């Protein structure tokens, strides 16, 4: 499930869909920026915890 979610985040259409959802919900630029910053913080925390794959 987690791998599926990460794979979807790699697709540009997922980001376009999130942007469209934010517009539909009426989020302004500063709110969308805060959400993006929170997402970046979560991604950074996950990157610290996950083990790298062997080559």
C-alpha atoms as a PDB file:
ATOM      1  CA  UNK A   1       0.000   0.000   0.000  1.00  0.00           C
ATOM      2  CA  UNK A   2       2.758   2.438   0.954  1.00  0.00           C
ATOM      3  CA  UNK A   3       4.715   1.601  -2.204  1.00  0.00           C
ATOM      4  CA  UNK A   4       1.602   2.199  -4.303  1.00  0.00           C
ATOM      5  CA  UNK A   5       1.146   5.603  -2.656  1.00  0.00           C
ATOM      6  CA  UNK A   6       4.778   6.569  -3.291  1.00  0.00           C
ATOM      7  CA  UNK A   7       4.481   5.453  -6.911  1.00  0.00           C
ATOM      8  CA  UNK A   8       1.436   7.696  -7.372  1.00  0.00           C
ATOM      9  CA  UNK A   9       3.334  10.669  -5.944  1.00  0.00           C
ATOM     10  CA  UNK A  10       5.943  10.257  -8.681  1.00  0.00           C
ATOM     11  CA  UNK A  11       3.332  10.888 -11.368  1.00  0.00           C
ATOM     12  CA  UNK A  12       2.722  14.481 -12.537  1.00  0.00           C
ATOM     13  CA  UNK A  13      -0.997  13.793 -12.875  1.00  0.00           C
ATOM     14  CA  UNK A  14      -1.191  13.172  -9.114  1.00  0.00           C
ATOM     15  CA  UNK A  15       0.182  16.646  -8.432  1.00  0.00           C
ATOM     16  CA  UNK A  16      -2.170  18.153 -10.994  1.00  0.00           C
ATOM     17  CA  UNK A  17      -5.074  16.380  -9.291  1.00  0.00           C
ATOM     18  CA  UNK A  18      -4.007  17.675  -5.878  1.00  0.00           C
ATOM     19  CA  UNK A  19      -3.819  21.190  -7.281  1.00  0.00           C
ATOM     20  CA  UNK A  20      -7.295  20.881  -8.772  1.00  0.00           C
ATOM     21  CA  UNK A  21      -8.607  19.573  -5.454  1.00  0.00           C
ATOM     22  CA  UNK A  22      -7.046  22.502  -3.619  1.00  0.00           C
ATOM     23  CA  UNK A  23      -8.723  24.942  -6.006  1.00  0.00           C
ATOM     24  CA  UNK A  24     -12.055  23.177  -5.590  1.00  0.00           C
ATOM     25  CA  UNK A  25     -11.729  23.429  -1.817  1.00  0.00           C
ATOM     26  CA  UNK A  26     -10.972  27.133  -2.107  1.00  0.00           C
ATOM     27  CA  UNK A  27      -7.431  27.054  -0.742  1.00  0.00           C
ATOM     28  CA  UNK A  28      -5.445  30.187  -1.412  1.00  0.00           C
ATOM     29  CA  UNK A  29      -1.782  30.336  -2.349  1.00  0.00           C
ATOM     30  CA  UNK A  30      -0.449  30.640   1.203  1.00  0.00           C
ATOM     31  CA  UNK A  31      -2.544  27.703   2.427  1.00  0.00           C
ATOM     32  CA  UNK A  32      -1.408  25.559  -0.509  1.00  0.00           C
ATOM     33  CA  UNK A  33       2.182  26.565   0.245  1.00  0.00           C
ATOM     34  CA  UNK A  34       1.784  25.479   3.871  1.00  0.00           C
ATOM     35  CA  UNK A  35       0.434  22.108   2.737  1.00  0.00           C
ATOM     36  CA  UNK A  36       3.384  21.713   0.378  1.00  0.00           C
ATOM     37  CA  UNK A  37       5.825  22.530   3.157  1.00  0.00           C
ATOM     38  CA  UNK A  38       4.171  19.996   5.446  1.00  0.00           C
ATOM     39  CA  UNK A  39       4.382  17.374   2.697  1.00  0.00           C
ATOM     40  CA  UNK A  40       8.068  18.138   2.206  1.00  0.00           C
ATOM     41  CA  UNK A  41       8.686  17.769   5.935  1.00  0.00           C
ATOM     42  CA  UNK A  42       6.914  14.405   5.985  1.00  0.00           C
ATOM     43  CA  UNK A  43       8.885  13.230   2.942  1.00  0.00           C
ATOM     44  CA  UNK A  44      12.130  14.274   4.621  1.00  0.00           C
ATOM     45  CA  UNK A  45      11.244  12.375   7.781  1.00  0.00           C
ATOM     46  CA  UNK A  46      10.376   9.262   5.766  1.00  0.00           C
ATOM     47  CA  UNK A  47      13.651   9.545   3.825  1.00  0.00           C
ATOM     48  CA  UNK A  48      15.591   9.538   7.086  1.00  0.00           C
ATOM     49  CA  UNK A  49      13.817   6.389   8.319  1.00  0.00           C
ATOM     50  CA  UNK A  50      13.693   4.272   5.152  1.00  0.00           C
ATOM     51  CA  UNK A  51      16.516   1.905   4.307  1.00  0.00           C
ATOM     52  CA  UNK A  52      18.062   2.272   0.859  1.00  0.00           C
ATOM     53  CA  UNK A  53      17.732  -0.530  -1.648  1.00  0.00           C
ATOM     54  CA  UNK A  54      20.770  -2.602  -2.556  1.00  0.00           C
ATOM     55  CA  UNK A  55      22.100  -1.948  -6.051  1.00  0.00           C
END
